[in-house]
Amino acid sequence: MQRYLRTTLVTLLFAAVTVVSANAQTIPAEDDTWITGNGTQVDFSQFGNVNISQLLGSQPVNSIVSFIGVPLNSSLGVADTLVARGSATIANTFSATLSIKGLGLGSSPDMTLQDGRVYHVAVSLATQSDTGTINFTTTTSEGGTFSSTFTVTPILTFTNVNNPNEAPHTVNCSSPSSACSFPMGGSGNWVQTSSTGFDPQAQGIPIVPSGVQIGGYTTVGRPRFGGIQVGCGGTKSTGYGCGQNNELHGEGSIGQQIHGTKPANDCAQNPPPPPPAPSPTPIPTGCAVTGGGGTGCTAKVGSTQRTTTGNAVIQQQTTALCAVSQ
């Protein structure tokens, strides 16, 4: 009897291992492209060790500068940010590496100094070697949830709009004297792409072509099927959702992450409680809920987290509905 039980147990264990191995799927490395939404801002009065007065010889009229996205390459459409995701094997919990490979932003409107000069501010990437991690949890037969964090190290270029003979002024955030790198994180849902299940193109999400040269990086791309789509969730039986779920996608850019910087004063200490309302009030769209000031704040926009530490206040966020906390 004992021998029979041992034999049966071994058989069951072997069968279980066989099922797990059969269901395990390795997703190759993929690229994600993002589009910057309205509301991206940088507060240069609290941006690392950057001193505009020393750099340009005059204080800005307003230290908070707004930015819009600048396309990286026509082959990537209007995407202004490129993030590479390493390969991963799907399991109950698994992870992959993250690294930002491209960034393009431009000031709109440009920065005006107190002496009347006007400068266009361009933001590019200082290094493509910054890394981070994205952690996945499987909660359905087709996907689950994720959280991620990685570092962004930009280069800021200030160009005199009215005097093309003046050499541009550059701040490289990888320099210890500038110290303006910043962390970026996110969270939300993910789903496997499949010709019999979730189709990203049905949600308006374009594929990312391979072989596109961005700096020293060549894209591996993201195919239509056989990969992971972050920011979307659901199952075939319950239905899929992307932008409308307020994950990594915002209005006007379904399927691609819209990100923007939060103003510096949104994370006030001990803010006064809101006045009582006779009925529930809908949460406004496009609100920014985290700032810097050197203390480090976190907040939540939809299901997308953005974190700031130290003095860096160029954080990125979606323009989806704002939640209470992050």
C-alpha atoms as a PDB file:
ATOM      1  CA  MET A   1       0.000   0.000   0.000  1.00  0.00           C
ATOM      2  CA  GLN A   2       2.780   2.410   0.932  1.00  0.00           C
ATOM      3  CA  ARG A   3       4.627   1.577  -2.265  1.00  0.00           C
ATOM      4  CA  TYR A   4       1.448   2.269  -4.239  1.00  0.00           C
ATOM      5  CA  LEU A   5       1.002   5.651  -2.500  1.00  0.00           C
ATOM      6  CA  ARG A   6       4.620   6.615  -3.153  1.00  0.00           C
ATOM      7  CA  THR A   7       4.298   5.594  -6.794  1.00  0.00           C
ATOM      8  CA  THR A   8       1.046   7.558  -7.152  1.00  0.00           C
ATOM      9  CA  LEU A   9       2.572  10.640  -5.496  1.00  0.00           C
ATOM     10  CA  VAL A  10       5.592  10.543  -7.784  1.00  0.00           C
ATOM     11  CA  THR A  11       3.290  10.220 -10.784  1.00  0.00           C
ATOM     12  CA  LEU A  12       1.192  13.203  -9.677  1.00  0.00           C
ATOM     13  CA  LEU A  13       4.264  15.340  -9.011  1.00  0.00           C
ATOM     14  CA  PHE A  14       5.692  14.445 -12.415  1.00  0.00           C
ATOM     15  CA  ALA A  15       2.386  15.325 -14.047  1.00  0.00           C
ATOM     16  CA  ALA A  16       2.265  18.675 -12.218  1.00  0.00           C
ATOM     17  CA  VAL A  17       5.819  19.545 -13.270  1.00  0.00           C
ATOM     18  CA  THR A  18       5.008  18.525 -16.824  1.00  0.00           C
ATOM     19  CA  VAL A  19       1.956  20.835 -16.897  1.00  0.00           C
ATOM     20  CA  VAL A  20       3.922  23.786 -15.500  1.00  0.00           C
ATOM     21  CA  SER A  21       6.737  23.219 -17.985  1.00  0.00           C
ATOM     22  CA  ALA A  22       4.268  22.933 -20.858  1.00  0.00           C
ATOM     23  CA  ASN A  23       2.565  26.207 -19.885  1.00  0.00           C
ATOM     24  CA  ALA A  24       5.788  28.136 -19.259  1.00  0.00           C
ATOM     25  CA  GLN A  25       6.386  30.661 -22.022  1.00  0.00           C
ATOM     26  CA  THR A  26       9.501  32.745 -22.540  1.00  0.00           C
ATOM     27  CA  ILE A  27       8.814  36.216 -23.911  1.00  0.00           C
ATOM     28  CA  PRO A  28      11.767  37.655 -25.842  1.00  0.00           C
ATOM     29  CA  ALA A  29      13.113  41.147 -25.277  1.00  0.00           C
ATOM     30  CA  GLU A  30      10.725  43.881 -26.440  1.00  0.00           C
ATOM     31  CA  ASP A  31      10.599  47.672 -26.810  1.00  0.00           C
ATOM     32  CA  ASP A  32       7.885  50.017 -25.577  1.00  0.00           C
ATOM     33  CA  THR A  33       7.296  53.473 -27.060  1.00  0.00           C
ATOM     34  CA  TRP A  34       5.652  56.313 -25.130  1.00  0.00           C
ATOM     35  CA  ILE A  35       4.134  59.647 -26.066  1.00  0.00           C
ATOM     36  CA  THR A  36       4.423  62.649 -23.767  1.00  0.00           C
ATOM     37  CA  GLY A  37       1.107  64.259 -22.910  1.00  0.00           C
ATOM     38  CA  ASN A  38       0.269  67.838 -22.047  1.00  0.00           C
ATOM     39  CA  GLY A  39       1.253  69.007 -18.572  1.00  0.00           C
ATOM     40  CA  THR A  40       4.890  67.911 -18.554  1.00  0.00           C
ATOM     41  CA  GLN A  41       6.797  70.418 -16.417  1.00  0.00           C
ATOM     42  CA  VAL A  42      10.214  70.889 -14.854  1.00  0.00           C
ATOM     43  CA  ASP A  43      10.790  73.210 -11.893  1.00  0.00           C
ATOM     44  CA  PHE A  44      14.349  74.425 -12.434  1.00  0.00           C
ATOM     45  CA  SER A  45      14.443  76.034  -8.997  1.00  0.00           C
ATOM     46  CA  GLN A  46      14.498  72.524  -7.517  1.00  0.00           C
ATOM     47  CA  PHE A  47      16.094  70.452 -10.272  1.00  0.00           C
ATOM     48  CA  GLY A  48      19.232  68.871  -8.836  1.00  0.00           C
ATOM     49  CA  ASN A  49      22.149  71.308  -8.734  1.00  0.00           C
ATOM     50  CA  VAL A  50      21.101  73.156 -11.901  1.00  0.00           C
ATOM     51  CA  ASN A  51      21.372  76.939 -11.389  1.00  0.00           C
ATOM     52  CA  ILE A  52      19.786  78.871 -14.277  1.00  0.00           C
ATOM     53  CA  SER A  53      21.151  82.218 -13.086  1.00  0.00           C
ATOM     54  CA  GLN A  54      24.725  80.918 -13.147  1.00  0.00           C
ATOM     55  CA  LEU A  55      24.199  79.022 -16.403  1.00  0.00           C
ATOM     56  CA  LEU A  56      22.513  81.795 -18.410  1.00  0.00           C
ATOM     57  CA  GLY A  57      23.363  84.944 -16.441  1.00  0.00           C
ATOM     58  CA  SER A  58      19.816  85.829 -15.413  1.00  0.00           C
ATOM     59  CA  GLN A  59      16.949  84.327 -13.444  1.00  0.00           C
ATOM     60  CA  PRO A  60      13.961  82.996 -15.388  1.00  0.00           C
ATOM     61  CA  VAL A  61      10.678  84.857 -15.134  1.00  0.00           C
ATOM     62  CA  ASN A  62       9.097  81.523 -14.211  1.00  0.00           C
ATOM     63  CA  SER A  63      11.266  78.609 -13.061  1.00  0.00           C
ATOM     64  CA  ILE A  64       8.603  76.053 -14.069  1.00  0.00           C
ATOM     65  CA  VAL A  65       8.900  75.198 -17.768  1.00  0.00           C
ATOM     66  CA  SER A  66       6.365  73.133 -19.725  1.00  0.00           C
ATOM     67  CA  PHE A  67       7.426  70.555 -22.319  1.00  0.00           C
ATOM     68  CA  ILE A  68       5.992  68.652 -25.264  1.00  0.00           C
ATOM     69  CA  GLY A  69       7.292  65.493 -26.904  1.00  0.00           C
ATOM     70  CA  VAL A  70       9.742  65.549 -29.810  1.00  0.00           C
ATOM     71  CA  PRO A  71       9.565  62.400 -32.007  1.00  0.00           C
ATOM     72  CA  LEU A  72      12.700  60.258 -31.796  1.00  0.00           C
ATOM     73  CA  ASN A  73      12.531  58.784 -35.293  1.00  0.00           C
ATOM     74  CA  SER A  74       9.939  58.792 -38.063  1.00  0.00           C
ATOM     75  CA  SER A  75       9.999  54.975 -38.015  1.00  0.00           C
ATOM     76  CA  LEU A  76       8.623  55.122 -34.454  1.00  0.00           C
ATOM     77  CA  GLY A  77       5.799  57.490 -35.334  1.00  0.00           C
ATOM     78  CA  VAL A  78       5.362  60.337 -32.856  1.00  0.00           C
ATOM     79  CA  ALA A  79       6.893  58.422 -29.934  1.00  0.00           C
ATOM     80  CA  ASP A  80       9.335  60.555 -27.922  1.00  0.00           C
ATOM     81  CA  THR A  81      10.397  57.947 -25.355  1.00  0.00           C
ATOM     82  CA  LEU A  82      11.764  54.443 -25.909  1.00  0.00           C
ATOM     83  CA  VAL A  83      12.159  51.829 -23.164  1.00  0.00           C
ATOM     84  CA  ALA A  84      13.739  48.395 -23.669  1.00  0.00           C
ATOM     85  CA  ARG A  85      12.365  45.428 -21.717  1.00  0.00           C
ATOM     86  CA  GLY A  86      14.441  42.276 -21.285  1.00  0.00           C
ATOM     87  CA  SER A  87      13.269  38.719 -21.900  1.00  0.00           C
ATOM     88  CA  ALA A  88      11.209  36.936 -19.239  1.00  0.00           C
ATOM     89  CA  THR A  89       9.640  33.544 -18.604  1.00  0.00           C
ATOM     90  CA  ILE A  90       6.002  33.781 -17.526  1.00  0.00           C
ATOM     91  CA  ALA A  91       5.318  32.251 -14.095  1.00  0.00           C
ATOM     92  CA  ASN A  92       3.258  33.103 -11.014  1.00  0.00           C
ATOM     93  CA  THR A  93       5.765  35.889 -10.369  1.00  0.00           C
ATOM     94  CA  PHE A  94       8.571  36.904 -12.726  1.00  0.00           C
ATOM     95  CA  SER A  95      10.607  39.937 -13.678  1.00  0.00           C
ATOM     96  CA  ALA A  96      12.528  41.565 -16.519  1.00  0.00           C
ATOM     97  CA  THR A  97      15.103  44.316 -16.866  1.00  0.00           C
ATOM     98  CA  LEU A  98      14.166  47.826 -18.009  1.00  0.00           C
ATOM     99  CA  SER A  99      16.325  50.494 -19.617  1.00  0.00           C
ATOM    100  CA  ILE A 100      15.395  53.824 -21.182  1.00  0.00           C
ATOM    101  CA  LYS A 101      16.950  54.125 -24.640  1.00  0.00           C
ATOM    102  CA  GLY A 102      15.504  57.330 -26.031  1.00  0.00           C
ATOM    103  CA  LEU A 103      14.029  60.621 -24.783  1.00  0.00           C
ATOM    104  CA  GLY A 104      13.017  63.750 -26.686  1.00  0.00           C
ATOM    105  CA  LEU A 105      11.253  66.767 -25.157  1.00  0.00           C
ATOM    106  CA  GLY A 106      11.143  70.465 -26.035  1.00  0.00           C
ATOM    107  CA  SER A 107       9.994  73.513 -24.046  1.00  0.00           C
ATOM    108  CA  SER A 108       6.615  74.942 -25.020  1.00  0.00           C
ATOM    109  CA  PRO A 109       6.472  77.845 -24.343  1.00  0.00           C
ATOM    110  CA  ASP A 110      10.185  78.604 -24.151  1.00  0.00           C
ATOM    111  CA  MET A 111      11.937  79.928 -21.041  1.00  0.00           C
ATOM    112  CA  THR A 112      11.998  83.729 -20.696  1.00  0.00           C
ATOM    113  CA  LEU A 113      14.664  85.327 -18.513  1.00  0.00           C
ATOM    114  CA  GLN A 114      14.221  88.472 -16.452  1.00  0.00           C
ATOM    115  CA  ASP A 115      16.576  90.365 -18.786  1.00  0.00           C
ATOM    116  CA  GLY A 116      14.270  89.594 -21.724  1.00  0.00           C
ATOM    117  CA  ARG A 117      16.242  86.808 -23.419  1.00  0.00           C
ATOM    118  CA  VAL A 118      14.309  83.685 -24.476  1.00  0.00           C
ATOM    119  CA  TYR A 119      15.738  80.165 -24.505  1.00  0.00           C
ATOM    120  CA  HIS A 120      14.423  76.970 -26.007  1.00  0.00           C
ATOM    121  CA  VAL A 121      15.092  74.017 -23.700  1.00  0.00           C
ATOM    122  CA  ALA A 122      15.580  70.568 -25.233  1.00  0.00           C
ATOM    123  CA  VAL A 123      15.702  67.348 -23.191  1.00  0.00           C
ATOM    124  CA  SER A 124      17.550  64.319 -24.528  1.00  0.00           C
ATOM    125  CA  LEU A 125      19.155  61.261 -22.962  1.00  0.00           C
ATOM    126  CA  ALA A 126      22.633  61.361 -21.396  1.00  0.00           C
ATOM    127  CA  THR A 127      23.128  57.604 -21.179  1.00  0.00           C
ATOM    128  CA  GLN A 128      21.402  54.488 -22.449  1.00  0.00           C
ATOM    129  CA  SER A 129      22.939  52.303 -19.744  1.00  0.00           C
ATOM    130  CA  ASP A 130      20.606  53.209 -16.843  1.00  0.00           C
ATOM    131  CA  THR A 131      18.724  50.097 -15.785  1.00  0.00           C
ATOM    132  CA  GLY A 132      15.744  49.120 -13.677  1.00  0.00           C
ATOM    133  CA  THR A 133      13.312  46.269 -13.127  1.00  0.00           C
ATOM    134  CA  ILE A 134       9.707  45.427 -13.943  1.00  0.00           C
ATOM    135  CA  ASN A 135       8.063  42.829 -11.690  1.00  0.00           C
ATOM    136  CA  PHE A 136       5.055  40.848 -12.914  1.00  0.00           C
ATOM    137  CA  THR A 137       2.403  38.896 -11.001  1.00  0.00           C
ATOM    138  CA  THR A 138       0.100  36.503 -12.841  1.00  0.00           C
ATOM    139  CA  THR A 139      -3.504  36.776 -11.669  1.00  0.00           C
ATOM    140  CA  THR A 140      -5.471  35.514 -14.712  1.00  0.00           C
ATOM    141  CA  SER A 141      -5.000  32.964 -17.476  1.00  0.00           C
ATOM    142  CA  GLU A 142      -3.821  35.770 -19.763  1.00  0.00           C
ATOM    143  CA  GLY A 143      -2.014  38.295 -17.590  1.00  0.00           C
ATOM    144  CA  GLY A 144      -1.992  40.087 -14.263  1.00  0.00           C
ATOM    145  CA  THR A 145      -0.391  43.116 -12.609  1.00  0.00           C
ATOM    146  CA  PHE A 146       3.055  44.718 -12.648  1.00  0.00           C
ATOM    147  CA  SER A 147       5.198  47.342 -10.942  1.00  0.00           C
ATOM    148  CA  SER A 148       8.354  48.910 -12.317  1.00  0.00           C
ATOM    149  CA  THR A 149      11.132  51.378 -11.612  1.00  0.00           C
ATOM    150  CA  PHE A 150      14.137  52.669 -13.534  1.00  0.00           C
ATOM    151  CA  THR A 151      16.468  55.674 -13.648  1.00  0.00           C
ATOM    152  CA  VAL A 152      16.419  58.519 -16.176  1.00  0.00           C
ATOM    153  CA  THR A 153      19.541  60.648 -16.775  1.00  0.00           C
ATOM    154  CA  PRO A 154      18.785  63.517 -19.186  1.00  0.00           C
ATOM    155  CA  ILE A 155      20.807  66.176 -21.007  1.00  0.00           C
ATOM    156  CA  LEU A 156      19.344  69.703 -21.009  1.00  0.00           C
ATOM    157  CA  THR A 157      20.263  72.038 -23.864  1.00  0.00           C
ATOM    158  CA  PHE A 158      19.421  75.768 -23.659  1.00  0.00           C
ATOM    159  CA  THR A 159      19.440  77.613 -27.018  1.00  0.00           C
ATOM    160  CA  ASN A 160      18.982  81.382 -27.394  1.00  0.00           C
ATOM    161  CA  VAL A 161      15.942  81.794 -29.646  1.00  0.00           C
ATOM    162  CA  ASN A 162      16.829  85.309 -30.830  1.00  0.00           C
ATOM    163  CA  ASN A 163      20.610  84.971 -31.085  1.00  0.00           C
ATOM    164  CA  PRO A 164      21.701  81.951 -33.144  1.00  0.00           C
ATOM    165  CA  ASN A 165      25.339  83.053 -32.781  1.00  0.00           C
ATOM    166  CA  GLU A 166      25.291  82.290 -29.047  1.00  0.00           C
ATOM    167  CA  ALA A 167      26.578  78.787 -28.354  1.00  0.00           C
ATOM    168  CA  PRO A 168      24.009  76.494 -26.691  1.00  0.00           C
ATOM    169  CA  HIS A 169      24.378  75.871 -22.964  1.00  0.00           C
ATOM    170  CA  THR A 170      24.304  72.217 -21.906  1.00  0.00           C
ATOM    171  CA  VAL A 171      23.659  70.482 -18.582  1.00  0.00           C
ATOM    172  CA  ASN A 172      24.545  66.781 -18.454  1.00  0.00           C
ATOM    173  CA  CYS A 173      22.727  65.185 -15.537  1.00  0.00           C
ATOM    174  CA  SER A 174      25.245  62.350 -15.420  1.00  0.00           C
ATOM    175  CA  SER A 175      27.795  64.844 -14.085  1.00  0.00           C
ATOM    176  CA  PRO A 176      28.151  64.821 -10.264  1.00  0.00           C
ATOM    177  CA  SER A 177      28.141  68.617 -10.345  1.00  0.00           C
ATOM    178  CA  SER A 178      24.628  68.586 -11.814  1.00  0.00           C
ATOM    179  CA  ALA A 179      23.159  65.553 -10.009  1.00  0.00           C
ATOM    180  CA  CYS A 180      19.818  65.684 -11.810  1.00  0.00           C
ATOM    181  CA  SER A 181      19.070  62.050 -12.598  1.00  0.00           C
ATOM    182  CA  PHE A 182      15.686  60.899 -11.331  1.00  0.00           C
ATOM    183  CA  PRO A 183      13.817  57.623 -10.754  1.00  0.00           C
ATOM    184  CA  MET A 184      10.652  56.747 -12.629  1.00  0.00           C
ATOM    185  CA  GLY A 185       8.201  54.023 -11.706  1.00  0.00           C
ATOM    186  CA  GLY A 186       4.869  52.629 -12.766  1.00  0.00           C
ATOM    187  CA  SER A 187       2.267  50.003 -11.998  1.00  0.00           C
ATOM    188  CA  GLY A 188      -0.816  48.596 -13.657  1.00  0.00           C
ATOM    189  CA  ASN A 189      -2.036  45.576 -15.608  1.00  0.00           C
ATOM    190  CA  TRP A 190      -0.418  43.436 -18.275  1.00  0.00           C
ATOM    191  CA  VAL A 191      -1.773  40.935 -20.766  1.00  0.00           C
ATOM    192  CA  GLN A 192      -0.258  38.480 -23.238  1.00  0.00           C
ATOM    193  CA  THR A 193      -0.799  39.310 -26.899  1.00  0.00           C
ATOM    194  CA  SER A 194      -2.252  36.559 -29.042  1.00  0.00           C
ATOM    195  CA  SER A 195      -3.969  36.096 -32.389  1.00  0.00           C
ATOM    196  CA  THR A 196      -6.726  34.223 -30.541  1.00  0.00           C
ATOM    197  CA  GLY A 197      -6.937  36.625 -27.597  1.00  0.00           C
ATOM    198  CA  PHE A 198      -5.675  40.159 -26.956  1.00  0.00           C
ATOM    199  CA  ASP A 199      -4.842  41.970 -30.182  1.00  0.00           C
ATOM    200  CA  PRO A 200      -2.995  45.264 -29.490  1.00  0.00           C
ATOM    201  CA  GLN A 201      -3.926  46.699 -32.880  1.00  0.00           C
ATOM    202  CA  ALA A 202      -7.603  46.265 -31.992  1.00  0.00           C
ATOM    203  CA  GLN A 203      -6.910  48.739 -29.139  1.00  0.00           C
ATOM    204  CA  GLY A 204      -5.074  51.139 -31.436  1.00  0.00           C
ATOM    205  CA  ILE A 205      -1.624  50.105 -30.192  1.00  0.00           C
ATOM    206  CA  PRO A 206       0.968  50.095 -32.981  1.00  0.00           C
ATOM    207  CA  ILE A 207       3.749  47.553 -33.219  1.00  0.00           C
ATOM    208  CA  VAL A 208       7.322  48.754 -32.646  1.00  0.00           C
ATOM    209  CA  PRO A 209       9.553  47.992 -35.633  1.00  0.00           C
ATOM    210  CA  SER A 210      12.931  46.333 -35.171  1.00  0.00           C
ATOM    211  CA  GLY A 211      16.171  47.659 -36.600  1.00  0.00           C
ATOM    212  CA  VAL A 212      15.569  51.353 -35.792  1.00  0.00           C
ATOM    213  CA  GLN A 213      18.752  53.112 -34.644  1.00  0.00           C
ATOM    214  CA  ILE A 214      18.289  55.382 -31.614  1.00  0.00           C
ATOM    215  CA  GLY A 215      21.688  56.627 -30.469  1.00  0.00           C
ATOM    216  CA  GLY A 216      23.789  53.553 -29.799  1.00  0.00           C
ATOM    217  CA  TYR A 217      20.748  51.282 -29.480  1.00  0.00           C
ATOM    218  CA  THR A 218      19.024  49.305 -32.226  1.00  0.00           C
ATOM    219  CA  THR A 219      15.421  48.402 -31.486  1.00  0.00           C
ATOM    220  CA  VAL A 220      14.455  44.766 -31.154  1.00  0.00           C
ATOM    221  CA  GLY A 221      10.855  45.907 -31.653  1.00  0.00           C
ATOM    222  CA  ARG A 222       7.569  44.631 -30.276  1.00  0.00           C
ATOM    223  CA  PRO A 223       5.554  42.370 -32.583  1.00  0.00           C
ATOM    224  CA  ARG A 224       1.783  42.297 -32.807  1.00  0.00           C
ATOM    225  CA  PHE A 225       1.475  38.876 -31.134  1.00  0.00           C
ATOM    226  CA  GLY A 226       3.508  36.647 -28.848  1.00  0.00           C
ATOM    227  CA  GLY A 227       4.554  39.268 -26.325  1.00  0.00           C
ATOM    228  CA  ILE A 228       3.461  41.232 -23.261  1.00  0.00           C
ATOM    229  CA  GLN A 229       1.421  44.444 -23.415  1.00  0.00           C
ATOM    230  CA  VAL A 230       1.764  46.513 -20.263  1.00  0.00           C
ATOM    231  CA  GLY A 231      -1.004  48.946 -19.404  1.00  0.00           C
ATOM    232  CA  CYS A 232      -3.762  46.671 -20.694  1.00  0.00           C
ATOM    233  CA  GLY A 233      -5.665  43.973 -18.864  1.00  0.00           C
ATOM    234  CA  GLY A 234      -8.588  41.580 -18.847  1.00  0.00           C
ATOM    235  CA  THR A 235      -9.340  38.245 -20.485  1.00  0.00           C
ATOM    236  CA  LYS A 236     -11.130  37.145 -23.611  1.00  0.00           C
ATOM    237  CA  SER A 237     -14.147  36.021 -21.585  1.00  0.00           C
ATOM    238  CA  THR A 238     -14.415  39.203 -19.494  1.00  0.00           C
ATOM    239  CA  GLY A 239     -13.219  41.660 -22.119  1.00  0.00           C
ATOM    240  CA  TYR A 240     -10.033  43.706 -22.489  1.00  0.00           C
ATOM    241  CA  GLY A 241      -9.310  47.303 -21.577  1.00  0.00           C
ATOM    242  CA  CYS A 242      -6.441  49.739 -21.964  1.00  0.00           C
ATOM    243  CA  GLY A 243      -6.770  53.523 -21.818  1.00  0.00           C
ATOM    244  CA  GLN A 244     -10.228  53.420 -20.307  1.00  0.00           C
ATOM    245  CA  ASN A 245      -8.790  51.513 -17.326  1.00  0.00           C
ATOM    246  CA  ASN A 246      -6.432  54.389 -16.483  1.00  0.00           C
ATOM    247  CA  GLU A 247      -3.385  52.178 -16.428  1.00  0.00           C
ATOM    248  CA  LEU A 248      -0.340  53.384 -18.344  1.00  0.00           C
ATOM    249  CA  HIS A 249      -2.464  54.902 -21.081  1.00  0.00           C
ATOM    250  CA  GLY A 250      -4.092  58.300 -21.184  1.00  0.00           C
ATOM    251  CA  GLU A 251      -6.737  60.017 -23.251  1.00  0.00           C
ATOM    252  CA  GLY A 252      -5.642  60.774 -26.786  1.00  0.00           C
ATOM    253  CA  SER A 253      -2.984  58.053 -26.858  1.00  0.00           C
ATOM    254  CA  ILE A 254      -4.623  54.695 -26.289  1.00  0.00           C
ATOM    255  CA  GLY A 255      -2.067  51.980 -25.800  1.00  0.00           C
ATOM    256  CA  GLN A 256       0.975  54.175 -25.333  1.00  0.00           C
ATOM    257  CA  GLN A 257       2.032  55.708 -22.064  1.00  0.00           C
ATOM    258  CA  ILE A 258       1.449  59.409 -21.740  1.00  0.00           C
ATOM    259  CA  HIS A 259       3.787  60.909 -19.214  1.00  0.00           C
ATOM    260  CA  GLY A 260       4.285  64.342 -17.777  1.00  0.00           C
ATOM    261  CA  THR A 261       6.029  66.077 -14.921  1.00  0.00           C
ATOM    262  CA  LYS A 262       4.182  66.990 -11.793  1.00  0.00           C
ATOM    263  CA  PRO A 263       4.375  70.538 -10.435  1.00  0.00           C
ATOM    264  CA  ALA A 264       6.599  71.085  -7.450  1.00  0.00           C
ATOM    265  CA  ASN A 265       3.975  72.236  -4.955  1.00  0.00           C
ATOM    266  CA  ASP A 266       1.367  69.484  -5.223  1.00  0.00           C
ATOM    267  CA  CYS A 267       2.755  67.476  -2.320  1.00  0.00           C
ATOM    268  CA  ALA A 268       2.172  70.050   0.408  1.00  0.00           C
ATOM    269  CA  GLN A 269       2.770  69.081   4.023  1.00  0.00           C
ATOM    270  CA  ASN A 270      -0.461  68.541   5.954  1.00  0.00           C
ATOM    271  CA  PRO A 271      -2.817  69.982   3.335  1.00  0.00           C
ATOM    272  CA  PRO A 272      -6.131  71.281   4.707  1.00  0.00           C
ATOM    273  CA  PRO A 273      -9.034  68.835   4.460  1.00  0.00           C
ATOM    274  CA  PRO A 274     -11.446  69.449   1.587  1.00  0.00           C
ATOM    275  CA  PRO A 275     -14.795  71.028   2.462  1.00  0.00           C
ATOM    276  CA  PRO A 276     -17.678  68.564   2.863  1.00  0.00           C
ATOM    277  CA  ALA A 277     -19.692  67.990  -0.288  1.00  0.00           C
ATOM    278  CA  PRO A 278     -23.400  67.152  -0.374  1.00  0.00           C
ATOM    279  CA  SER A 279     -22.774  64.482  -3.009  1.00  0.00           C
ATOM    280  CA  PRO A 280     -19.766  62.577  -4.368  1.00  0.00           C
ATOM    281  CA  THR A 281     -17.571  64.688  -6.642  1.00  0.00           C
ATOM    282  CA  PRO A 282     -15.994  63.109  -9.717  1.00  0.00           C
ATOM    283  CA  ILE A 283     -12.211  63.050  -9.794  1.00  0.00           C
ATOM    284  CA  PRO A 284     -10.821  65.588 -12.304  1.00  0.00           C
ATOM    285  CA  THR A 285      -8.830  64.439 -15.297  1.00  0.00           C
ATOM    286  CA  GLY A 286      -5.231  65.271 -16.045  1.00  0.00           C
ATOM    287  CA  CYS A 287      -4.338  66.281 -12.504  1.00  0.00           C
ATOM    288  CA  ALA A 288      -0.807  66.263 -11.165  1.00  0.00           C
ATOM    289  CA  VAL A 289      -0.464  64.954  -7.651  1.00  0.00           C
ATOM    290  CA  THR A 290       3.181  64.752  -6.727  1.00  0.00           C
ATOM    291  CA  GLY A 291       5.981  67.241  -6.354  1.00  0.00           C
ATOM    292  CA  GLY A 292       9.515  67.424  -5.115  1.00  0.00           C
ATOM    293  CA  GLY A 293      11.192  70.031  -3.007  1.00  0.00           C
ATOM    294  CA  GLY A 294      13.850  67.599  -1.871  1.00  0.00           C
ATOM    295  CA  THR A 295      11.656  65.615   0.513  1.00  0.00           C
ATOM    296  CA  GLY A 296      10.504  62.847  -1.791  1.00  0.00           C
ATOM    297  CA  CYS A 297       6.802  62.373  -2.470  1.00  0.00           C
ATOM    298  CA  THR A 298       4.652  59.723  -4.069  1.00  0.00           C
ATOM    299  CA  ALA A 299       1.165  59.819  -5.476  1.00  0.00           C
ATOM    300  CA  LYS A 300      -1.068  57.807  -7.766  1.00  0.00           C
ATOM    301  CA  VAL A 301      -2.485  58.737 -11.141  1.00  0.00           C
ATOM    302  CA  GLY A 302      -4.913  56.041 -12.188  1.00  0.00           C
ATOM    303  CA  SER A 303      -2.844  52.958 -11.528  1.00  0.00           C
ATOM    304  CA  THR A 304       0.433  54.545 -12.594  1.00  0.00           C
ATOM    305  CA  GLN A 305       2.972  55.410  -9.944  1.00  0.00           C
ATOM    306  CA  ARG A 306       5.550  58.135 -10.192  1.00  0.00           C
ATOM    307  CA  THR A 307       8.104  58.670  -7.446  1.00  0.00           C
ATOM    308  CA  THR A 308      10.498  61.523  -6.805  1.00  0.00           C
ATOM    309  CA  THR A 309      13.451  61.555  -4.447  1.00  0.00           C
ATOM    310  CA  GLY A 310      15.982  64.197  -3.505  1.00  0.00           C
ATOM    311  CA  ASN A 311      15.657  67.417  -5.464  1.00  0.00           C
ATOM    312  CA  ALA A 312      14.726  65.984  -8.853  1.00  0.00           C
ATOM    313  CA  VAL A 313      11.281  67.167  -9.854  1.00  0.00           C
ATOM    314  CA  ILE A 314      11.097  66.087 -13.486  1.00  0.00           C
ATOM    315  CA  GLN A 315       8.744  63.189 -12.765  1.00  0.00           C
ATOM    316  CA  GLN A 316       6.431  61.660 -15.315  1.00  0.00           C
ATOM    317  CA  GLN A 317       2.748  60.814 -15.055  1.00  0.00           C
ATOM    318  CA  THR A 318      -0.241  59.822 -17.114  1.00  0.00           C
ATOM    319  CA  THR A 319      -3.077  62.188 -17.860  1.00  0.00           C
ATOM    320  CA  ALA A 320      -5.641  59.626 -16.738  1.00  0.00           C
ATOM    321  CA  LEU A 321      -7.962  60.133 -13.778  1.00  0.00           C
ATOM    322  CA  CYS A 322      -6.206  60.841 -10.504  1.00  0.00           C
ATOM    323  CA  ALA A 323      -6.671  58.572  -7.522  1.00  0.00           C
ATOM    324  CA  VAL A 324      -6.199  59.359  -3.827  1.00  0.00           C
ATOM    325  CA  SER A 325      -2.683  58.111  -3.172  1.00  0.00           C
ATOM    326  CA  GLN A 326       0.276  56.444  -4.809  1.00  0.00           C
END
